[in-house]
């Protein structure tokens, strides 16, 4: 029996074409899951930091006028700082929210934005996907009079 001459090396061609595609798909699964976890972690950190900063309202103003307004910005920043430090946060921002027109004293609060950048595991073999960055924001708004 003789072997057909046209089959020689066809498996090598199949591996050469489909192996990078399979590595890329495995990278999407592994690094995509890591990106979803980082997004959830960034959201959790932003929510906790916003809640901590938003709880620093002026007590005297709250009791006299019923407005939970943050007047000590340094205290609000200090309250949010432990959540933003040493949690893999690469960038963060704290913004104070003024009341919405037509609803005074109901929407004072803070908005915290958290950015996390992490190294990819498998997608790092492609230079464009060496790192992934996720950004999440959370608001803590004081509502009084309930």
N, C-alpha and C. Protein backbone atom coordinates (compact mmCIF):
# COMPACT_ATOMS: atom_id res chain seq x y z
N UNK A 1 0.83 -1.17 0.00
CA UNK A 1 0.00 0.00 0.00
C UNK A 1 0.88 1.24 0.00
N UNK A 2 0.47 2.17 -0.77
CA UNK A 2 1.19 3.42 -0.85
C UNK A 2 0.36 4.56 -0.29
N UNK A 3 1.04 5.50 0.35
CA UNK A 3 0.38 6.68 0.90
C UNK A 3 0.26 7.74 -0.18
N UNK A 4 -0.81 8.49 -0.13
CA UNK A 4 -0.99 9.57 -1.08
C UNK A 4 0.01 10.68 -0.78
N UNK A 5 0.65 11.25 -1.74
CA UNK A 5 1.68 12.26 -1.49
C UNK A 5 1.14 13.61 -1.04
N UNK A 6 -0.14 13.92 -1.18
CA UNK A 6 -0.67 15.23 -0.86
C UNK A 6 -0.96 15.49 0.60
N UNK A 7 -0.89 14.49 1.48
CA UNK A 7 -1.25 14.68 2.88
C UNK A 7 -0.09 15.11 3.76
N UNK A 8 1.09 15.09 3.29
CA UNK A 8 2.27 15.35 4.10
C UNK A 8 2.27 16.81 4.59
N UNK A 9 2.29 17.03 5.94
CA UNK A 9 2.38 18.36 6.55
C UNK A 9 1.04 19.06 6.73
N UNK A 10 -0.05 18.43 6.44
CA UNK A 10 -1.34 19.12 6.55
C UNK A 10 -1.71 19.36 8.01
N UNK A 11 -1.31 18.50 8.93
CA UNK A 11 -1.59 18.72 10.36
C UNK A 11 -0.80 19.89 10.90
N UNK A 12 0.41 20.09 10.44
CA UNK A 12 1.22 21.22 10.88
C UNK A 12 0.59 22.54 10.44
N UNK A 13 0.06 22.56 9.26
CA UNK A 13 -0.62 23.77 8.77
C UNK A 13 -1.86 24.05 9.60
N UNK A 14 -2.62 23.01 9.94
CA UNK A 14 -3.81 23.17 10.77
C UNK A 14 -3.42 23.75 12.14
N UNK A 15 -2.40 23.22 12.78
CA UNK A 15 -1.94 23.70 14.09
C UNK A 15 -1.43 25.13 13.98
N UNK A 16 -0.69 25.44 12.95
CA UNK A 16 -0.14 26.79 12.79
C UNK A 16 -1.24 27.83 12.62
N UNK A 17 -2.34 27.45 12.02
CA UNK A 17 -3.43 28.41 11.81
C UNK A 17 -4.33 28.51 13.03
N UNK A 18 -4.69 27.38 13.64
CA UNK A 18 -5.69 27.39 14.70
C UNK A 18 -5.14 27.55 16.11
N UNK A 19 -3.87 27.29 16.35
CA UNK A 19 -3.31 27.44 17.70
C UNK A 19 -3.36 28.90 18.18
N UNK A 20 -2.94 29.89 17.38
CA UNK A 20 -3.07 31.28 17.86
C UNK A 20 -4.53 31.69 18.09
N UNK A 21 -5.43 31.18 17.28
CA UNK A 21 -6.85 31.51 17.48
C UNK A 21 -7.36 30.91 18.78
N UNK A 22 -6.96 29.70 19.10
CA UNK A 22 -7.39 29.06 20.35
C UNK A 22 -6.77 29.76 21.56
N UNK A 23 -5.53 30.20 21.45
CA UNK A 23 -4.89 30.95 22.54
C UNK A 23 -5.62 32.27 22.75
N UNK A 24 -5.99 32.94 21.65
CA UNK A 24 -6.72 34.20 21.76
C UNK A 24 -8.08 33.98 22.40
N UNK A 25 -8.79 32.93 22.04
CA UNK A 25 -10.09 32.65 22.64
C UNK A 25 -9.96 32.29 24.12
N UNK A 26 -8.93 31.52 24.47
CA UNK A 26 -8.70 31.22 25.89
C UNK A 26 -8.36 32.50 26.66
N UNK A 27 -7.62 33.39 26.02
CA UNK A 27 -7.30 34.68 26.64
C UNK A 27 -8.54 35.52 26.87
N UNK A 28 -9.47 35.47 25.92
CA UNK A 28 -10.72 36.21 26.10
C UNK A 28 -11.50 35.68 27.30
N UNK A 29 -11.49 34.38 27.47
CA UNK A 29 -12.21 33.79 28.60
C UNK A 29 -11.53 34.14 29.91
N UNK A 30 -10.23 33.92 30.01
CA UNK A 30 -9.50 34.15 31.26
C UNK A 30 -9.41 35.64 31.58
N UNK A 31 -8.92 36.42 30.63
CA UNK A 31 -8.74 37.85 30.89
C UNK A 31 -10.06 38.61 30.87
N UNK A 32 -11.04 38.11 30.14
CA UNK A 32 -12.38 38.70 30.18
C UNK A 32 -13.01 38.52 31.55
N UNK A 33 -12.83 37.35 32.13
CA UNK A 33 -13.31 37.13 33.50
C UNK A 33 -12.60 38.01 34.50
N UNK A 34 -11.29 38.19 34.31
CA UNK A 34 -10.53 39.08 35.20
C UNK A 34 -10.99 40.52 35.04
N UNK A 35 -11.35 40.92 33.83
CA UNK A 35 -11.85 42.28 33.61
C UNK A 35 -13.21 42.48 34.29
N UNK A 36 -14.06 41.47 34.23
CA UNK A 36 -15.35 41.57 34.91
C UNK A 36 -15.17 41.65 36.42
N UNK A 37 -14.22 40.89 36.95
CA UNK A 37 -13.95 40.94 38.38
C UNK A 37 -13.38 42.29 38.78
N UNK A 38 -12.49 42.85 37.96
CA UNK A 38 -11.90 44.16 38.25
C UNK A 38 -12.97 45.25 38.17
N UNK A 39 -13.89 45.13 37.25
CA UNK A 39 -14.97 46.11 37.15
C UNK A 39 -15.86 46.07 38.40
N UNK A 40 -16.17 44.88 38.88
CA UNK A 40 -16.98 44.75 40.09
C UNK A 40 -16.22 45.29 41.30
N UNK A 41 -14.91 45.00 41.36
CA UNK A 41 -14.10 45.49 42.48
C UNK A 41 -14.02 47.01 42.45
N UNK A 42 -13.84 47.60 41.26
CA UNK A 42 -13.80 49.06 41.14
C UNK A 42 -15.13 49.67 41.56
N UNK A 43 -16.23 49.04 41.18
CA UNK A 43 -17.55 49.53 41.58
C UNK A 43 -17.72 49.45 43.09
N UNK A 44 -17.31 48.35 43.70
CA UNK A 44 -17.42 48.20 45.16
C UNK A 44 -16.59 49.25 45.89
N UNK A 45 -15.36 49.46 45.42
CA UNK A 45 -14.48 50.45 46.06
C UNK A 45 -15.08 51.84 45.93
N UNK A 46 -15.58 52.18 44.74
CA UNK A 46 -16.17 53.51 44.53
C UNK A 46 -17.40 53.71 45.41
N UNK A 47 -18.23 52.68 45.54
CA UNK A 47 -19.42 52.80 46.38
C UNK A 47 -19.06 53.00 47.85
N UNK A 48 -18.10 52.24 48.33
CA UNK A 48 -17.72 52.36 49.74
C UNK A 48 -17.06 53.71 50.02
N UNK A 49 -16.20 54.16 49.12
CA UNK A 49 -15.55 55.46 49.31
C UNK A 49 -16.57 56.59 49.25
N UNK A 50 -17.53 56.51 48.34
CA UNK A 50 -18.56 57.54 48.24
C UNK A 50 -19.43 57.57 49.49
N UNK A 51 -19.77 56.39 49.99
CA UNK A 51 -20.59 56.33 51.20
C UNK A 51 -19.84 56.92 52.39
N UNK A 52 -18.56 56.62 52.51
CA UNK A 52 -17.77 57.15 53.62
C UNK A 52 -17.62 58.66 53.52
N UNK A 53 -17.35 59.16 52.33
CA UNK A 53 -17.21 60.61 52.15
C UNK A 53 -18.55 61.32 52.30
N UNK A 54 -19.61 60.70 51.82
CA UNK A 54 -20.93 61.32 51.91
C UNK A 54 -21.49 61.40 53.31
N UNK A 55 -20.94 60.63 54.21
CA UNK A 55 -21.43 60.67 55.59
C UNK A 55 -20.79 61.80 56.40
N UNK A 56 -19.96 62.60 55.78
CA UNK A 56 -19.28 63.68 56.49
C UNK A 56 -20.04 65.01 56.37
N UNK A 57 -21.35 64.97 56.52
CA UNK A 57 -22.13 66.20 56.38
C UNK A 57 -22.02 67.05 57.66
N UNK A 58 -22.30 68.32 57.49
CA UNK A 58 -22.25 69.28 58.58
C UNK A 58 -23.45 69.01 59.50
N UNK A 59 -23.18 68.56 60.73
CA UNK A 59 -24.24 68.16 61.66
C UNK A 59 -25.08 69.36 62.08
N UNK A 60 -24.45 70.51 62.31
CA UNK A 60 -25.19 71.70 62.73
C UNK A 60 -26.18 72.14 61.64
N UNK A 61 -25.74 72.11 60.40
CA UNK A 61 -26.61 72.47 59.28
C UNK A 61 -27.71 71.43 59.09
N UNK A 62 -27.40 70.19 59.34
CA UNK A 62 -28.41 69.14 59.24
C UNK A 62 -29.51 69.34 60.28
N UNK A 63 -29.12 69.69 61.49
CA UNK A 63 -30.11 69.87 62.56
C UNK A 63 -30.91 71.16 62.39
N UNK A 64 -30.27 72.23 61.91
CA UNK A 64 -30.96 73.51 61.81
C UNK A 64 -31.80 73.64 60.54
N UNK A 65 -31.26 73.23 59.40
CA UNK A 65 -31.95 73.43 58.13
C UNK A 65 -32.42 72.14 57.48
N UNK A 66 -32.03 71.01 58.03
CA UNK A 66 -32.43 69.73 57.43
C UNK A 66 -31.67 69.42 56.16
N UNK A 67 -30.49 70.01 55.98
CA UNK A 67 -29.68 69.77 54.78
C UNK A 67 -28.42 69.03 55.18
N UNK A 68 -28.18 67.93 54.54
CA UNK A 68 -26.95 67.18 54.77
C UNK A 68 -25.93 67.64 53.74
N UNK A 69 -25.28 68.74 54.04
CA UNK A 69 -24.33 69.34 53.12
C UNK A 69 -22.92 69.12 53.65
N UNK A 70 -22.01 68.73 52.77
CA UNK A 70 -20.62 68.54 53.15
C UNK A 70 -19.92 69.89 53.07
N UNK A 71 -19.42 70.36 54.21
CA UNK A 71 -18.69 71.63 54.24
C UNK A 71 -17.21 71.43 54.53
N UNK A 72 -16.84 70.30 55.10
CA UNK A 72 -15.44 70.01 55.40
C UNK A 72 -14.94 69.01 54.35
N UNK A 73 -14.39 69.57 53.26
CA UNK A 73 -13.95 68.73 52.16
C UNK A 73 -12.75 67.87 52.54
N UNK A 74 -11.91 68.39 53.42
CA UNK A 74 -10.74 67.61 53.86
C UNK A 74 -11.19 66.36 54.62
N UNK A 75 -12.20 66.49 55.46
CA UNK A 75 -12.72 65.33 56.20
C UNK A 75 -13.34 64.32 55.25
N UNK A 76 -14.04 64.78 54.23
CA UNK A 76 -14.64 63.87 53.25
C UNK A 76 -13.56 63.13 52.47
N UNK A 77 -12.52 63.84 52.07
CA UNK A 77 -11.41 63.19 51.37
C UNK A 77 -10.70 62.19 52.28
N UNK A 78 -10.53 62.55 53.54
CA UNK A 78 -9.87 61.65 54.50
C UNK A 78 -10.71 60.41 54.75
N UNK A 79 -12.03 60.56 54.76
CA UNK A 79 -12.91 59.41 54.99
C UNK A 79 -12.87 58.45 53.80
N UNK A 80 -12.71 58.97 52.59
CA UNK A 80 -12.68 58.12 51.39
C UNK A 80 -11.30 57.52 51.15
N UNK A 81 -10.25 58.14 51.67
CA UNK A 81 -8.88 57.73 51.37
C UNK A 81 -8.57 56.27 51.70
N UNK A 82 -8.99 55.72 52.84
CA UNK A 82 -8.64 54.32 53.13
C UNK A 82 -9.19 53.33 52.10
N UNK A 83 -10.30 53.65 51.48
CA UNK A 83 -10.89 52.75 50.50
C UNK A 83 -10.15 52.83 49.16
N UNK A 84 -9.54 53.98 48.91
CA UNK A 84 -8.87 54.19 47.63
C UNK A 84 -7.40 53.80 47.65
N UNK A 85 -6.85 53.55 48.84
CA UNK A 85 -5.44 53.20 48.97
C UNK A 85 -5.28 51.69 49.08
N UNK A 86 -4.27 51.17 48.47
CA UNK A 86 -3.88 49.76 48.58
C UNK A 86 -4.98 48.79 48.17
N UNK A 87 -5.77 49.15 47.21
CA UNK A 87 -6.80 48.23 46.69
C UNK A 87 -6.61 47.99 45.20
N UNK A 88 -5.44 48.29 44.68
CA UNK A 88 -5.20 48.14 43.25
C UNK A 88 -5.72 49.30 42.43
N UNK A 89 -6.12 50.37 43.10
CA UNK A 89 -6.66 51.55 42.41
C UNK A 89 -5.50 52.32 41.79
N UNK A 90 -5.54 52.53 40.48
CA UNK A 90 -4.48 53.26 39.81
C UNK A 90 -4.80 54.75 39.68
N UNK A 91 -6.08 55.10 39.74
CA UNK A 91 -6.48 56.51 39.67
C UNK A 91 -7.85 56.63 40.32
N UNK A 92 -8.08 57.77 40.95
CA UNK A 92 -9.39 57.99 41.58
C UNK A 92 -9.66 59.47 41.61
N UNK A 93 -10.92 59.80 41.76
CA UNK A 93 -11.33 61.19 41.86
C UNK A 93 -12.55 61.33 42.73
N UNK A 94 -12.62 62.41 43.48
CA UNK A 94 -13.75 62.68 44.36
C UNK A 94 -14.31 64.03 43.94
N UNK A 95 -15.58 64.06 43.60
CA UNK A 95 -16.24 65.28 43.14
C UNK A 95 -17.46 65.51 44.02
N UNK A 96 -17.66 66.75 44.44
CA UNK A 96 -18.79 67.08 45.30
C UNK A 96 -19.96 67.52 44.44
N UNK A 97 -21.16 67.01 44.77
CA UNK A 97 -22.36 67.25 43.97
C UNK A 97 -23.18 68.36 44.63
N UNK A 98 -23.52 69.35 43.84
CA UNK A 98 -24.38 70.43 44.32
C UNK A 98 -25.83 70.01 44.17
N UNK A 99 -26.75 70.72 44.83
CA UNK A 99 -28.16 70.33 44.71
C UNK A 99 -28.69 70.54 43.30
N UNK A 100 -29.62 69.71 42.93
CA UNK A 100 -30.27 69.81 41.64
C UNK A 100 -31.28 70.95 41.70
N UNK A 101 -31.35 71.82 40.68
CA UNK A 101 -32.33 72.91 40.69
C UNK A 101 -33.75 72.38 40.83
N UNK A 102 -34.53 73.02 41.66
CA UNK A 102 -35.90 72.60 41.88
C UNK A 102 -36.07 71.62 43.02
N UNK A 103 -34.97 71.11 43.54
CA UNK A 103 -35.03 70.16 44.66
C UNK A 103 -33.92 70.51 45.65
N UNK A 104 -33.97 71.71 46.23
CA UNK A 104 -32.90 72.10 47.14
C UNK A 104 -32.86 71.20 48.37
N UNK A 105 -31.68 71.01 48.86
CA UNK A 105 -31.36 70.25 50.07
C UNK A 105 -31.64 68.76 49.94
N UNK A 106 -31.85 68.29 48.74
CA UNK A 106 -32.14 66.87 48.59
C UNK A 106 -31.02 66.09 47.89
N UNK A 107 -30.12 66.75 47.22
CA UNK A 107 -29.14 66.01 46.42
C UNK A 107 -27.70 66.44 46.66
N UNK A 108 -27.37 66.83 47.85
CA UNK A 108 -25.97 67.07 48.17
C UNK A 108 -25.29 65.73 48.32
N UNK A 109 -24.09 65.62 47.82
CA UNK A 109 -23.39 64.35 47.97
C UNK A 109 -22.04 64.37 47.29
N UNK A 110 -21.52 63.18 47.04
CA UNK A 110 -20.21 63.03 46.41
C UNK A 110 -20.29 61.99 45.30
N UNK A 111 -19.40 62.14 44.34
CA UNK A 111 -19.24 61.16 43.27
C UNK A 111 -17.78 60.72 43.29
N UNK A 112 -17.55 59.43 43.39
CA UNK A 112 -16.20 58.88 43.40
C UNK A 112 -16.01 58.06 42.13
N UNK A 113 -14.91 58.32 41.43
CA UNK A 113 -14.56 57.58 40.23
C UNK A 113 -13.28 56.81 40.51
N UNK A 114 -13.30 55.53 40.22
CA UNK A 114 -12.17 54.65 40.49
C UNK A 114 -11.73 54.00 39.18
N UNK A 115 -10.41 53.99 38.94
CA UNK A 115 -9.83 53.34 37.78
C UNK A 115 -8.86 52.27 38.25
N UNK A 116 -9.00 51.08 37.70
CA UNK A 116 -8.10 49.97 38.00
C UNK A 116 -7.50 49.48 36.68
N UNK A 117 -6.18 49.39 36.64
CA UNK A 117 -5.46 48.87 35.48
C UNK A 117 -4.75 47.59 35.92
N UNK A 118 -4.87 46.53 35.13
CA UNK A 118 -4.23 45.27 35.50
C UNK A 118 -3.60 44.62 34.28
N UNK A 119 -2.59 43.79 34.55
CA UNK A 119 -1.88 43.05 33.50
C UNK A 119 -2.71 41.85 33.07
N UNK A 120 -2.77 41.62 31.79
CA UNK A 120 -3.48 40.45 31.28
C UNK A 120 -2.58 39.22 31.36
N UNK A 121 -3.22 38.06 31.38
CA UNK A 121 -2.48 36.80 31.50
C UNK A 121 -2.14 36.25 30.12
N UNK A 122 -3.14 35.95 29.33
CA UNK A 122 -2.90 35.37 28.00
C UNK A 122 -2.93 36.41 26.89
N UNK A 123 -3.77 37.41 27.02
CA UNK A 123 -3.86 38.41 25.95
C UNK A 123 -2.63 39.30 25.89
N UNK A 124 -1.76 39.19 26.90
CA UNK A 124 -0.53 39.99 26.91
C UNK A 124 0.42 39.64 25.79
N UNK A 125 0.23 38.50 25.14
CA UNK A 125 1.09 38.17 24.00
C UNK A 125 0.79 39.07 22.80
N UNK A 126 -0.36 39.70 22.81
CA UNK A 126 -0.70 40.69 21.80
C UNK A 126 -0.42 42.06 22.41
N UNK A 127 0.47 42.86 21.83
CA UNK A 127 0.88 44.13 22.46
C UNK A 127 -0.27 45.09 22.75
N UNK A 128 -1.30 45.06 21.97
CA UNK A 128 -2.42 45.99 22.20
C UNK A 128 -3.22 45.64 23.45
N UNK A 129 -3.10 44.40 23.93
CA UNK A 129 -3.87 43.95 25.08
C UNK A 129 -2.99 43.57 26.27
N UNK A 130 -1.84 44.26 26.41
CA UNK A 130 -0.93 43.97 27.51
C UNK A 130 -1.55 44.30 28.86
N UNK A 131 -2.31 45.39 28.92
CA UNK A 131 -3.02 45.79 30.14
C UNK A 131 -4.46 46.13 29.78
N UNK A 132 -5.33 45.97 30.74
CA UNK A 132 -6.73 46.38 30.59
C UNK A 132 -7.06 47.37 31.70
N UNK A 133 -7.88 48.35 31.39
CA UNK A 133 -8.26 49.39 32.34
C UNK A 133 -9.77 49.43 32.45
N UNK A 134 -10.25 49.45 33.69
CA UNK A 134 -11.68 49.57 33.95
C UNK A 134 -11.90 50.79 34.85
N UNK A 135 -12.98 51.51 34.60
CA UNK A 135 -13.33 52.70 35.37
C UNK A 135 -14.79 52.60 35.79
N UNK A 136 -15.04 52.86 37.05
CA UNK A 136 -16.40 52.84 37.59
C UNK A 136 -16.60 54.08 38.47
N UNK A 137 -17.84 54.56 38.51
CA UNK A 137 -18.20 55.70 39.35
C UNK A 137 -19.36 55.31 40.24
N UNK A 138 -19.42 55.98 41.40
CA UNK A 138 -20.53 55.76 42.33
C UNK A 138 -20.87 57.09 42.99
N UNK A 139 -22.15 57.29 43.25
CA UNK A 139 -22.63 58.50 43.92
C UNK A 139 -23.16 58.14 45.29
N UNK A 140 -22.91 59.02 46.23
CA UNK A 140 -23.56 58.94 47.54
C UNK A 140 -24.28 60.25 47.72
N UNK A 141 -25.59 60.20 47.77
CA UNK A 141 -26.41 61.39 47.82
C UNK A 141 -27.21 61.40 49.11
N UNK A 142 -27.21 62.55 49.77
CA UNK A 142 -27.95 62.68 51.01
C UNK A 142 -29.40 63.04 50.69
N UNK A 143 -30.31 62.27 51.25
CA UNK A 143 -31.73 62.55 51.12
C UNK A 143 -32.27 62.76 52.52
N UNK A 144 -32.84 63.93 52.77
CA UNK A 144 -33.35 64.25 54.10
C UNK A 144 -34.86 64.37 54.06
N UNK A 145 -35.46 64.30 55.22
CA UNK A 145 -36.90 64.50 55.32
C UNK A 145 -37.73 63.27 55.10
N UNK A 146 -37.14 62.11 55.18
CA UNK A 146 -37.92 60.89 54.99
C UNK A 146 -38.60 60.48 56.27
